[in-house]
């Protein structure tokens, strides 16, 4: 089965209307004292720069096409920090210097966008849809001009760098399936009343990636299970681990980071079998994917949880 709950830690949790931007827990845009200038955002819908693995042809014109890999994404915005209290009394903001301090808005914005601000979610709502990137501030230019000196209206140009260039859905989707189990068979010789055995379990679940590029999910296996295998029928790629888990164990495979962790403590990356795909190559293609979970014990009660966000470039 599959569902799509929005968890409290989801990006853009403070956003309530179109045009708003949330950086960490700082809300900007309509209804706040931090307005986005008419120029809007840059780099949000752009295709990032590409590293091309093309190689020149040895005996011909042109080149041989190689792998294309997206570079880091750069997002920019011009923010106008309004002096005084936010136009919306319910808008979340933390005053620095007091409500009547004309420098308070700028002081807070500088504090939130300093070097201490590490990588966080940068989320934007456009036409009812919230999308987000993981980003950190890479540039900040503030115009200390006559407008600021006389009225306290500051104009700040902000730039974020996204080492992961993907733009993700706000929702984190979840799909679950028990491990594949063979059904029971009719026993011979026949005796009445007939016992038809138990129904089998396919161990397969349909997973939909609504983005335009492959998504790298997090896979969580719970025991008891022996030598678990996870196959994506859409790609034919398999993750297989030579490991036995008890009912109290949990194995987490993060295909984005390429890690395999037992009970959130011990690395089990070395338990991968020779036929197993490298973790970062096991992806959910755009559109429909059928994920199949099986192991060496046909009567196992193990389960698999798949967690992902739709991804775009």
C-alpha atoms as a PDB file:
ATOM      1  CA  UNK A   1       0.000   0.000   0.000  1.00  0.00           C
ATOM      2  CA  UNK A   2       1.117   3.621  -0.451  1.00  0.00           C
ATOM      3  CA  UNK A   3       0.278   6.919   1.217  1.00  0.00           C
ATOM      4  CA  UNK A   4       1.579  10.476   1.222  1.00  0.00           C
ATOM      5  CA  UNK A   5       1.498  12.074   4.674  1.00  0.00           C
ATOM      6  CA  UNK A   6       3.006  15.520   5.182  1.00  0.00           C
ATOM      7  CA  UNK A   7       5.264  15.291   8.214  1.00  0.00           C
ATOM      8  CA  UNK A   8       5.838  18.279  10.577  1.00  0.00           C
ATOM      9  CA  UNK A   9       9.458  18.534   9.417  1.00  0.00           C
ATOM     10  CA  UNK A  10       8.429  18.945   5.793  1.00  0.00           C
ATOM     11  CA  UNK A  11       9.834  22.026   4.015  1.00  0.00           C
ATOM     12  CA  UNK A  12       7.573  25.047   3.716  1.00  0.00           C
ATOM     13  CA  UNK A  13       5.530  24.215   6.814  1.00  0.00           C
ATOM     14  CA  UNK A  14       5.018  27.958   7.541  1.00  0.00           C
ATOM     15  CA  UNK A  15       3.915  28.874   4.008  1.00  0.00           C
ATOM     16  CA  UNK A  16       0.234  29.802   3.669  1.00  0.00           C
ATOM     17  CA  UNK A  17      -0.041  31.598   0.319  1.00  0.00           C
ATOM     18  CA  UNK A  18       1.418  31.853  -3.158  1.00  0.00           C
ATOM     19  CA  UNK A  19       4.610  33.868  -3.535  1.00  0.00           C
ATOM     20  CA  UNK A  20       5.937  33.074  -0.074  1.00  0.00           C
ATOM     21  CA  UNK A  21       9.452  31.730   0.445  1.00  0.00           C
ATOM     22  CA  UNK A  22      10.647  29.910   3.558  1.00  0.00           C
ATOM     23  CA  UNK A  23      14.329  29.599   4.434  1.00  0.00           C
ATOM     24  CA  UNK A  24      14.708  27.387   7.496  1.00  0.00           C
ATOM     25  CA  UNK A  25      12.147  28.912   9.871  1.00  0.00           C
ATOM     26  CA  UNK A  26      12.244  32.402   8.301  1.00  0.00           C
ATOM     27  CA  UNK A  27       9.183  33.259   6.208  1.00  0.00           C
ATOM     28  CA  UNK A  28       9.419  35.846   3.426  1.00  0.00           C
ATOM     29  CA  UNK A  29       6.976  37.216   0.885  1.00  0.00           C
ATOM     30  CA  UNK A  30       3.330  38.417   1.081  1.00  0.00           C
ATOM     31  CA  UNK A  31       2.063  38.949   4.629  1.00  0.00           C
ATOM     32  CA  UNK A  32       5.544  39.320   6.155  1.00  0.00           C
ATOM     33  CA  UNK A  33       7.948  42.191   6.630  1.00  0.00           C
ATOM     34  CA  UNK A  34      10.344  40.597   4.144  1.00  0.00           C
ATOM     35  CA  UNK A  35       9.028  41.190   0.647  1.00  0.00           C
ATOM     36  CA  UNK A  36      10.406  39.566  -2.501  1.00  0.00           C
ATOM     37  CA  UNK A  37      11.200  42.210  -5.131  1.00  0.00           C
ATOM     38  CA  UNK A  38       9.378  42.215  -8.476  1.00  0.00           C
ATOM     39  CA  UNK A  39      12.290  40.426 -10.139  1.00  0.00           C
ATOM     40  CA  UNK A  40      11.285  37.283  -8.200  1.00  0.00           C
ATOM     41  CA  UNK A  41      13.584  34.277  -8.011  1.00  0.00           C
ATOM     42  CA  UNK A  42      16.420  33.381 -10.330  1.00  0.00           C
ATOM     43  CA  UNK A  43      17.657  29.830 -10.890  1.00  0.00           C
ATOM     44  CA  UNK A  44      14.517  28.140  -9.567  1.00  0.00           C
ATOM     45  CA  UNK A  45      13.197  26.654 -12.795  1.00  0.00           C
ATOM     46  CA  UNK A  46      16.502  26.836 -14.679  1.00  0.00           C
ATOM     47  CA  UNK A  47      18.395  23.746 -15.768  1.00  0.00           C
ATOM     48  CA  UNK A  48      21.660  23.730 -13.770  1.00  0.00           C
ATOM     49  CA  UNK A  49      25.018  23.712 -15.498  1.00  0.00           C
ATOM     50  CA  UNK A  50      26.153  20.348 -16.798  1.00  0.00           C
ATOM     51  CA  UNK A  51      29.333  18.305 -16.561  1.00  0.00           C
ATOM     52  CA  UNK A  52      29.556  16.466 -19.867  1.00  0.00           C
ATOM     53  CA  UNK A  53      31.483  13.236 -20.245  1.00  0.00           C
ATOM     54  CA  UNK A  54      31.742  13.635 -24.034  1.00  0.00           C
ATOM     55  CA  UNK A  55      35.036  12.577 -25.594  1.00  0.00           C
ATOM     56  CA  UNK A  56      36.435  13.614 -29.006  1.00  0.00           C
ATOM     57  CA  UNK A  57      36.140  11.041 -31.788  1.00  0.00           C
ATOM     58  CA  UNK A  58      39.546   9.568 -32.604  1.00  0.00           C
ATOM     59  CA  UNK A  59      38.948   9.404 -36.344  1.00  0.00           C
ATOM     60  CA  UNK A  60      35.960  11.563 -37.119  1.00  0.00           C
ATOM     61  CA  UNK A  61      34.192  14.833 -36.575  1.00  0.00           C
ATOM     62  CA  UNK A  62      32.499  15.671 -33.307  1.00  0.00           C
ATOM     63  CA  UNK A  63      32.518  13.709 -30.105  1.00  0.00           C
ATOM     64  CA  UNK A  64      31.178  10.558 -28.510  1.00  0.00           C
ATOM     65  CA  UNK A  65      28.303  11.380 -26.130  1.00  0.00           C
ATOM     66  CA  UNK A  66      29.039  10.679 -22.488  1.00  0.00           C
ATOM     67  CA  UNK A  67      27.214  10.933 -19.185  1.00  0.00           C
ATOM     68  CA  UNK A  68      25.563  14.270 -18.332  1.00  0.00           C
ATOM     69  CA  UNK A  69      25.662  15.230 -14.657  1.00  0.00           C
ATOM     70  CA  UNK A  70      24.022  18.344 -13.240  1.00  0.00           C
ATOM     71  CA  UNK A  71      26.178  20.795 -11.318  1.00  0.00           C
ATOM     72  CA  UNK A  72      25.078  22.587  -8.141  1.00  0.00           C
ATOM     73  CA  UNK A  73      22.029  24.845  -8.493  1.00  0.00           C
ATOM     74  CA  UNK A  74      22.256  28.565  -7.662  1.00  0.00           C
ATOM     75  CA  UNK A  75      19.107  30.407  -6.527  1.00  0.00           C
ATOM     76  CA  UNK A  76      18.883  34.162  -6.063  1.00  0.00           C
ATOM     77  CA  UNK A  77      16.332  36.645  -4.714  1.00  0.00           C
ATOM     78  CA  UNK A  78      16.147  40.334  -3.881  1.00  0.00           C
ATOM     79  CA  UNK A  79      14.493  40.869  -0.480  1.00  0.00           C
ATOM     80  CA  UNK A  80      13.078  44.159   0.797  1.00  0.00           C
ATOM     81  CA  UNK A  81      13.208  44.317   4.599  1.00  0.00           C
ATOM     82  CA  UNK A  82      10.348  46.555   5.757  1.00  0.00           C
ATOM     83  CA  UNK A  83      10.821  48.516   8.982  1.00  0.00           C
ATOM     84  CA  UNK A  84       8.496  47.993  11.947  1.00  0.00           C
ATOM     85  CA  UNK A  85       5.946  45.276  12.575  1.00  0.00           C
ATOM     86  CA  UNK A  86       4.842  42.812   9.910  1.00  0.00           C
ATOM     87  CA  UNK A  87       1.666  43.792   7.984  1.00  0.00           C
ATOM     88  CA  UNK A  88       0.196  40.454   9.117  1.00  0.00           C
ATOM     89  CA  UNK A  89       0.037  40.238  12.941  1.00  0.00           C
ATOM     90  CA  UNK A  90      -0.066  36.423  12.708  1.00  0.00           C
ATOM     91  CA  UNK A  91       3.039  36.177  10.521  1.00  0.00           C
ATOM     92  CA  UNK A  92       5.866  34.388  12.378  1.00  0.00           C
ATOM     93  CA  UNK A  93       8.891  36.561  12.937  1.00  0.00           C
ATOM     94  CA  UNK A  94      11.300  37.190  15.746  1.00  0.00           C
ATOM     95  CA  UNK A  95      11.907  40.951  16.251  1.00  0.00           C
ATOM     96  CA  UNK A  96      15.490  42.020  16.766  1.00  0.00           C
ATOM     97  CA  UNK A  97      15.924  45.435  18.331  1.00  0.00           C
ATOM     98  CA  UNK A  98      12.209  45.926  19.026  1.00  0.00           C
ATOM     99  CA  UNK A  99       9.120  46.571  16.919  1.00  0.00           C
ATOM    100  CA  UNK A 100       9.841  50.281  16.467  1.00  0.00           C
ATOM    101  CA  UNK A 101      13.520  49.911  15.613  1.00  0.00           C
ATOM    102  CA  UNK A 102      13.924  50.689  11.879  1.00  0.00           C
ATOM    103  CA  UNK A 103      17.071  48.575  11.828  1.00  0.00           C
ATOM    104  CA  UNK A 104      15.383  45.580  13.441  1.00  0.00           C
ATOM    105  CA  UNK A 105      14.214  43.910  10.225  1.00  0.00           C
ATOM    106  CA  UNK A 106      17.621  44.161   8.594  1.00  0.00           C
ATOM    107  CA  UNK A 107      19.383  42.950  11.756  1.00  0.00           C
ATOM    108  CA  UNK A 108      17.195  39.846  11.872  1.00  0.00           C
ATOM    109  CA  UNK A 109      17.663  39.131   8.163  1.00  0.00           C
ATOM    110  CA  UNK A 110      21.443  39.469   8.492  1.00  0.00           C
ATOM    111  CA  UNK A 111      21.392  37.181  11.524  1.00  0.00           C
ATOM    112  CA  UNK A 112      19.367  34.492   9.702  1.00  0.00           C
ATOM    113  CA  UNK A 113      21.553  34.592   6.574  1.00  0.00           C
ATOM    114  CA  UNK A 114      25.022  34.661   8.159  1.00  0.00           C
ATOM    115  CA  UNK A 115      27.814  32.116   7.989  1.00  0.00           C
ATOM    116  CA  UNK A 116      26.296  30.151  10.865  1.00  0.00           C
ATOM    117  CA  UNK A 117      23.308  29.197   8.687  1.00  0.00           C
ATOM    118  CA  UNK A 118      24.130  25.756   7.322  1.00  0.00           C
ATOM    119  CA  UNK A 119      22.249  23.743   4.711  1.00  0.00           C
ATOM    120  CA  UNK A 120      18.495  23.961   5.229  1.00  0.00           C
ATOM    121  CA  UNK A 121      15.293  23.631   3.233  1.00  0.00           C
ATOM    122  CA  UNK A 122      14.532  26.558   0.915  1.00  0.00           C
ATOM    123  CA  UNK A 123      10.857  26.256  -0.064  1.00  0.00           C
ATOM    124  CA  UNK A 124       8.678  28.298  -2.419  1.00  0.00           C
ATOM    125  CA  UNK A 125       4.944  28.177  -3.140  1.00  0.00           C
ATOM    126  CA  UNK A 126       3.873  28.980  -6.707  1.00  0.00           C
ATOM    127  CA  UNK A 127       0.346  28.411  -8.037  1.00  0.00           C
ATOM    128  CA  UNK A 128      -0.613  26.342  -5.004  1.00  0.00           C
ATOM    129  CA  UNK A 129       2.365  23.948  -5.137  1.00  0.00           C
ATOM    130  CA  UNK A 130       5.242  24.008  -2.635  1.00  0.00           C
ATOM    131  CA  UNK A 131       8.625  22.795  -3.935  1.00  0.00           C
ATOM    132  CA  UNK A 132      11.925  22.835  -2.073  1.00  0.00           C
ATOM    133  CA  UNK A 133      15.695  22.495  -2.359  1.00  0.00           C
ATOM    134  CA  UNK A 134      18.438  21.873   0.183  1.00  0.00           C
ATOM    135  CA  UNK A 135      20.524  25.036   0.211  1.00  0.00           C
ATOM    136  CA  UNK A 136      22.924  27.286   2.104  1.00  0.00           C
ATOM    137  CA  UNK A 137      23.618  31.001   1.763  1.00  0.00           C
ATOM    138  CA  UNK A 138      26.524  31.677  -0.593  1.00  0.00           C
ATOM    139  CA  UNK A 139      26.153  35.420  -1.124  1.00  0.00           C
ATOM    140  CA  UNK A 140      24.590  38.473   0.512  1.00  0.00           C
ATOM    141  CA  UNK A 141      24.732  42.084  -0.720  1.00  0.00           C
ATOM    142  CA  UNK A 142      22.940  44.849   1.178  1.00  0.00           C
ATOM    143  CA  UNK A 143      22.341  48.315  -0.229  1.00  0.00           C
ATOM    144  CA  UNK A 144      22.939  50.889   2.518  1.00  0.00           C
ATOM    145  CA  UNK A 145      21.422  53.814   0.615  1.00  0.00           C
ATOM    146  CA  UNK A 146      19.327  56.927   1.211  1.00  0.00           C
ATOM    147  CA  UNK A 147      16.127  54.881   1.385  1.00  0.00           C
ATOM    148  CA  UNK A 148      17.521  52.830   4.236  1.00  0.00           C
ATOM    149  CA  UNK A 149      19.054  55.805   6.046  1.00  0.00           C
ATOM    150  CA  UNK A 150      15.837  57.857   5.957  1.00  0.00           C
ATOM    151  CA  UNK A 151      13.060  55.223   6.194  1.00  0.00           C
ATOM    152  CA  UNK A 152      14.732  51.995   7.300  1.00  0.00           C
ATOM    153  CA  UNK A 153      13.769  50.154   4.096  1.00  0.00           C
ATOM    154  CA  UNK A 154      16.656  47.806   3.295  1.00  0.00           C
ATOM    155  CA  UNK A 155      17.281  46.036  -0.010  1.00  0.00           C
ATOM    156  CA  UNK A 156      19.238  42.783   0.233  1.00  0.00           C
ATOM    157  CA  UNK A 157      20.322  40.499  -2.603  1.00  0.00           C
ATOM    158  CA  UNK A 158      20.596  36.899  -1.429  1.00  0.00           C
ATOM    159  CA  UNK A 159      22.144  33.911  -3.168  1.00  0.00           C
ATOM    160  CA  UNK A 160      21.869  30.254  -2.165  1.00  0.00           C
ATOM    161  CA  UNK A 161      23.889  27.338  -3.503  1.00  0.00           C
ATOM    162  CA  UNK A 162      22.232  23.903  -3.682  1.00  0.00           C
ATOM    163  CA  UNK A 163      24.866  21.171  -3.812  1.00  0.00           C
ATOM    164  CA  UNK A 164      22.016  18.784  -4.621  1.00  0.00           C
ATOM    165  CA  UNK A 165      20.438  20.487  -7.672  1.00  0.00           C
ATOM    166  CA  UNK A 166      17.130  18.580  -7.484  1.00  0.00           C
ATOM    167  CA  UNK A 167      13.919  20.452  -6.663  1.00  0.00           C
ATOM    168  CA  UNK A 168      11.787  18.228  -4.412  1.00  0.00           C
ATOM    169  CA  UNK A 169       8.119  17.882  -3.566  1.00  0.00           C
ATOM    170  CA  UNK A 170       7.003  19.150  -0.190  1.00  0.00           C
ATOM    171  CA  UNK A 171       5.400  15.813   0.607  1.00  0.00           C
ATOM    172  CA  UNK A 172       7.494  12.848   1.580  1.00  0.00           C
ATOM    173  CA  UNK A 173       5.721   9.800   0.165  1.00  0.00           C
ATOM    174  CA  UNK A 174       5.643   6.386   1.802  1.00  0.00           C
ATOM    175  CA  UNK A 175       4.920   2.907   0.402  1.00  0.00           C
ATOM    176  CA  UNK A 176       4.942  -0.370   2.333  1.00  0.00           C
ATOM    177  CA  UNK A 177       4.935  -4.069   1.531  1.00  0.00           C
ATOM    178  CA  UNK A 178       5.486  -7.331   3.424  1.00  0.00           C
ATOM    179  CA  UNK A 179       8.073  -9.753   2.116  1.00  0.00           C
ATOM    180  CA  UNK A 180       7.022 -12.200  -0.614  1.00  0.00           C
ATOM    181  CA  UNK A 181       5.510 -15.409   0.776  1.00  0.00           C
ATOM    182  CA  UNK A 182       4.516 -18.563  -1.053  1.00  0.00           C
ATOM    183  CA  UNK A 183       0.944 -19.733  -0.571  1.00  0.00           C
ATOM    184  CA  UNK A 184       0.184 -23.047   1.096  1.00  0.00           C
ATOM    185  CA  UNK A 185      -0.642 -26.051  -1.104  1.00  0.00           C
ATOM    186  CA  UNK A 186      -3.356 -28.697  -0.955  1.00  0.00           C
ATOM    187  CA  UNK A 187      -2.074 -31.775   0.864  1.00  0.00           C
ATOM    188  CA  UNK A 188      -2.174 -35.296  -0.573  1.00  0.00           C
ATOM    189  CA  UNK A 189      -3.757 -37.758  -0.199  1.00  0.00           C
ATOM    190  CA  UNK A 190      -6.983 -35.739  -0.221  1.00  0.00           C
ATOM    191  CA  UNK A 191      -9.140 -35.845   2.863  1.00  0.00           C
ATOM    192  CA  UNK A 192     -12.422 -34.126   3.583  1.00  0.00           C
ATOM    193  CA  UNK A 193     -12.946 -31.404   4.528  1.00  0.00           C
ATOM    194  CA  UNK A 194     -10.271 -30.190   2.091  1.00  0.00           C
ATOM    195  CA  UNK A 195      -7.554 -27.842   3.410  1.00  0.00           C
ATOM    196  CA  UNK A 196      -6.579 -25.443   0.627  1.00  0.00           C
ATOM    197  CA  UNK A 197      -3.598 -23.918   2.444  1.00  0.00           C
ATOM    198  CA  UNK A 198      -2.883 -20.230   3.004  1.00  0.00           C
ATOM    199  CA  UNK A 199      -2.850 -17.391   0.501  1.00  0.00           C
ATOM    200  CA  UNK A 200       0.486 -16.130  -0.730  1.00  0.00           C
ATOM    201  CA  UNK A 201       1.809 -12.569  -0.601  1.00  0.00           C
ATOM    202  CA  UNK A 202       3.333 -11.010  -3.727  1.00  0.00           C
ATOM    203  CA  UNK A 203       5.823  -8.795  -1.865  1.00  0.00           C
ATOM    204  CA  UNK A 204       5.330  -6.142  -4.561  1.00  0.00           C
ATOM    205  CA  UNK A 205       4.147  -2.542  -4.250  1.00  0.00           C
ATOM    206  CA  UNK A 206       3.465   0.133  -6.867  1.00  0.00           C
ATOM    207  CA  UNK A 207       5.510   3.306  -6.385  1.00  0.00           C
ATOM    208  CA  UNK A 208       4.883   6.490  -8.390  1.00  0.00           C
ATOM    209  CA  UNK A 209       7.617   9.091  -8.867  1.00  0.00           C
ATOM    210  CA  UNK A 210       5.775  12.222  -9.991  1.00  0.00           C
ATOM    211  CA  UNK A 211       8.982  14.123 -10.852  1.00  0.00           C
ATOM    212  CA  UNK A 212      10.842  14.385 -14.157  1.00  0.00           C
ATOM    213  CA  UNK A 213      14.086  12.706 -13.017  1.00  0.00           C
ATOM    214  CA  UNK A 214      14.985   9.604 -11.023  1.00  0.00           C
ATOM    215  CA  UNK A 215      14.438   9.817  -7.257  1.00  0.00           C
ATOM    216  CA  UNK A 216      16.693   8.167  -4.677  1.00  0.00           C
ATOM    217  CA  UNK A 217      14.544   6.680  -1.912  1.00  0.00           C
ATOM    218  CA  UNK A 218      15.277   5.524   1.616  1.00  0.00           C
ATOM    219  CA  UNK A 219      14.512   1.834   2.153  1.00  0.00           C
ATOM    220  CA  UNK A 220      13.846   0.471   5.653  1.00  0.00           C
ATOM    221  CA  UNK A 221      13.740  -3.296   6.209  1.00  0.00           C
ATOM    222  CA  UNK A 222      12.427  -4.873   9.407  1.00  0.00           C
ATOM    223  CA  UNK A 223      13.050  -8.499  10.381  1.00  0.00           C
ATOM    224  CA  UNK A 224      12.932 -11.343  10.756  1.00  0.00           C
ATOM    225  CA  UNK A 225      14.515 -11.725   7.330  1.00  0.00           C
ATOM    226  CA  UNK A 226      17.356 -13.726   5.786  1.00  0.00           C
ATOM    227  CA  UNK A 227      19.298 -12.408   2.780  1.00  0.00           C
ATOM    228  CA  UNK A 228      16.774  -9.742   1.713  1.00  0.00           C
ATOM    229  CA  UNK A 229      16.417  -8.693  -1.938  1.00  0.00           C
ATOM    230  CA  UNK A 230      14.773  -5.522  -3.258  1.00  0.00           C
ATOM    231  CA  UNK A 231      14.173  -5.309  -7.009  1.00  0.00           C
ATOM    232  CA  UNK A 232      12.760  -2.450  -9.074  1.00  0.00           C
ATOM    233  CA  UNK A 233      11.016  -4.096 -12.027  1.00  0.00           C
ATOM    234  CA  UNK A 234      11.120  -0.788 -13.948  1.00  0.00           C
ATOM    235  CA  UNK A 235      14.937  -0.829 -14.068  1.00  0.00           C
ATOM    236  CA  UNK A 236      15.773  -4.466 -13.305  1.00  0.00           C
ATOM    237  CA  UNK A 237      18.208  -3.352 -10.604  1.00  0.00           C
ATOM    238  CA  UNK A 238      18.496  -5.346  -7.388  1.00  0.00           C
ATOM    239  CA  UNK A 239      19.746  -4.614  -3.895  1.00  0.00           C
ATOM    240  CA  UNK A 240      20.701  -7.846  -2.095  1.00  0.00           C
ATOM    241  CA  UNK A 241      22.323  -8.238   1.314  1.00  0.00           C
ATOM    242  CA  UNK A 242      23.875 -11.320   2.909  1.00  0.00           C
ATOM    243  CA  UNK A 243      22.543 -10.635   6.363  1.00  0.00           C
ATOM    244  CA  UNK A 244      20.074 -12.070   8.862  1.00  0.00           C
ATOM    245  CA  UNK A 245      17.840  -9.685  10.790  1.00  0.00           C
ATOM    246  CA  UNK A 246      15.844 -10.573  13.896  1.00  0.00           C
ATOM    247  CA  UNK A 247      12.393  -9.161  14.535  1.00  0.00           C
ATOM    248  CA  UNK A 248      14.036  -6.401  16.590  1.00  0.00           C
ATOM    249  CA  UNK A 249      16.465  -5.338  13.854  1.00  0.00           C
ATOM    250  CA  UNK A 250      16.109  -2.604  11.273  1.00  0.00           C
ATOM    251  CA  UNK A 251      18.287  -2.165   8.185  1.00  0.00           C
ATOM    252  CA  UNK A 252      18.181   1.272   6.525  1.00  0.00           C
ATOM    253  CA  UNK A 253      19.418   1.738   2.967  1.00  0.00           C
ATOM    254  CA  UNK A 254      19.792   5.413   1.979  1.00  0.00           C
ATOM    255  CA  UNK A 255      20.265   5.406  -1.790  1.00  0.00           C
ATOM    256  CA  UNK A 256      20.926   9.151  -1.798  1.00  0.00           C
ATOM    257  CA  UNK A 257      23.906   8.922   0.566  1.00  0.00           C
ATOM    258  CA  UNK A 258      24.848   5.385  -0.500  1.00  0.00           C
ATOM    259  CA  UNK A 259      24.756   4.059   3.083  1.00  0.00           C
ATOM    260  CA  UNK A 260      23.504   0.829   4.662  1.00  0.00           C
ATOM    261  CA  UNK A 261      22.991   1.033   8.433  1.00  0.00           C
ATOM    262  CA  UNK A 262      21.865  -1.555  10.973  1.00  0.00           C
ATOM    263  CA  UNK A 263      19.734  -0.168  13.811  1.00  0.00           C
ATOM    264  CA  UNK A 264      20.904   3.390  12.979  1.00  0.00           C
ATOM    265  CA  UNK A 265      24.357   2.588  14.386  1.00  0.00           C
ATOM    266  CA  UNK A 266      26.448   0.035  12.505  1.00  0.00           C
ATOM    267  CA  UNK A 267      27.372   0.192   8.814  1.00  0.00           C
ATOM    268  CA  UNK A 268      26.492  -2.955   6.871  1.00  0.00           C
ATOM    269  CA  UNK A 269      27.565  -1.693   3.450  1.00  0.00           C
ATOM    270  CA  UNK A 270      29.905  -4.685   3.156  1.00  0.00           C
ATOM    271  CA  UNK A 271      27.030  -7.150   3.395  1.00  0.00           C
ATOM    272  CA  UNK A 272      25.963  -6.440  -0.205  1.00  0.00           C
ATOM    273  CA  UNK A 273      26.139  -9.512  -2.442  1.00  0.00           C
ATOM    274  CA  UNK A 274      28.164  -9.522  -5.708  1.00  0.00           C
ATOM    275  CA  UNK A 275      24.966  -9.207  -7.762  1.00  0.00           C
ATOM    276  CA  UNK A 276      23.769  -6.175  -5.817  1.00  0.00           C
ATOM    277  CA  UNK A 277      23.560  -2.791  -7.579  1.00  0.00           C
ATOM    278  CA  UNK A 278      25.556   0.091  -6.035  1.00  0.00           C
ATOM    279  CA  UNK A 279      23.152   1.826  -3.675  1.00  0.00           C
ATOM    280  CA  UNK A 280      23.271   5.214  -5.419  1.00  0.00           C
ATOM    281  CA  UNK A 281      22.363   3.545  -8.740  1.00  0.00           C
ATOM    282  CA  UNK A 282      19.142   2.055  -7.326  1.00  0.00           C
ATOM    283  CA  UNK A 283      16.528   4.687  -8.167  1.00  0.00           C
ATOM    284  CA  UNK A 284      12.839   5.256  -8.826  1.00  0.00           C
ATOM    285  CA  UNK A 285      12.395   6.308 -12.446  1.00  0.00           C
ATOM    286  CA  UNK A 286       9.853   9.019 -13.358  1.00  0.00           C
ATOM    287  CA  UNK A 287       6.408   7.464 -13.498  1.00  0.00           C
ATOM    288  CA  UNK A 288       5.446   3.979 -12.337  1.00  0.00           C
ATOM    289  CA  UNK A 289       7.822   1.622 -10.518  1.00  0.00           C
ATOM    290  CA  UNK A 290       7.073  -1.844  -9.140  1.00  0.00           C
ATOM    291  CA  UNK A 291       9.256  -2.670  -6.155  1.00  0.00           C
ATOM    292  CA  UNK A 292       9.536  -6.342  -5.182  1.00  0.00           C
ATOM    293  CA  UNK A 293      10.727  -7.530  -1.758  1.00  0.00           C
ATOM    294  CA  UNK A 294      11.809 -11.139  -1.219  1.00  0.00           C
ATOM    295  CA  UNK A 295      14.217 -13.218   0.881  1.00  0.00           C
ATOM    296  CA  UNK A 296      15.400 -16.804   1.453  1.00  0.00           C
ATOM    297  CA  UNK A 297      12.745 -17.632   4.074  1.00  0.00           C
ATOM    298  CA  UNK A 298       9.328 -18.000   2.450  1.00  0.00           C
ATOM    299  CA  UNK A 299       7.488 -17.766   5.790  1.00  0.00           C
ATOM    300  CA  UNK A 300       9.224 -14.571   6.981  1.00  0.00           C
ATOM    301  CA  UNK A 301       7.184 -11.768   8.570  1.00  0.00           C
ATOM    302  CA  UNK A 302       9.563  -9.046   7.373  1.00  0.00           C
ATOM    303  CA  UNK A 303       8.433  -5.724   5.950  1.00  0.00           C
ATOM    304  CA  UNK A 304       9.794  -2.985   3.679  1.00  0.00           C
ATOM    305  CA  UNK A 305       9.069   0.761   3.912  1.00  0.00           C
ATOM    306  CA  UNK A 306      10.001   3.002   0.947  1.00  0.00           C
ATOM    307  CA  UNK A 307      10.261   6.760   1.543  1.00  0.00           C
ATOM    308  CA  UNK A 308      10.892   9.314  -1.217  1.00  0.00           C
ATOM    309  CA  UNK A 309      10.173  12.778  -2.545  1.00  0.00           C
ATOM    310  CA  UNK A 310       9.362  13.524  -6.185  1.00  0.00           C
ATOM    311  CA  UNK A 311      12.384  15.136  -7.847  1.00  0.00           C
ATOM    312  CA  UNK A 312      12.750  17.594 -10.740  1.00  0.00           C
ATOM    313  CA  UNK A 313      15.634  19.194 -12.600  1.00  0.00           C
END
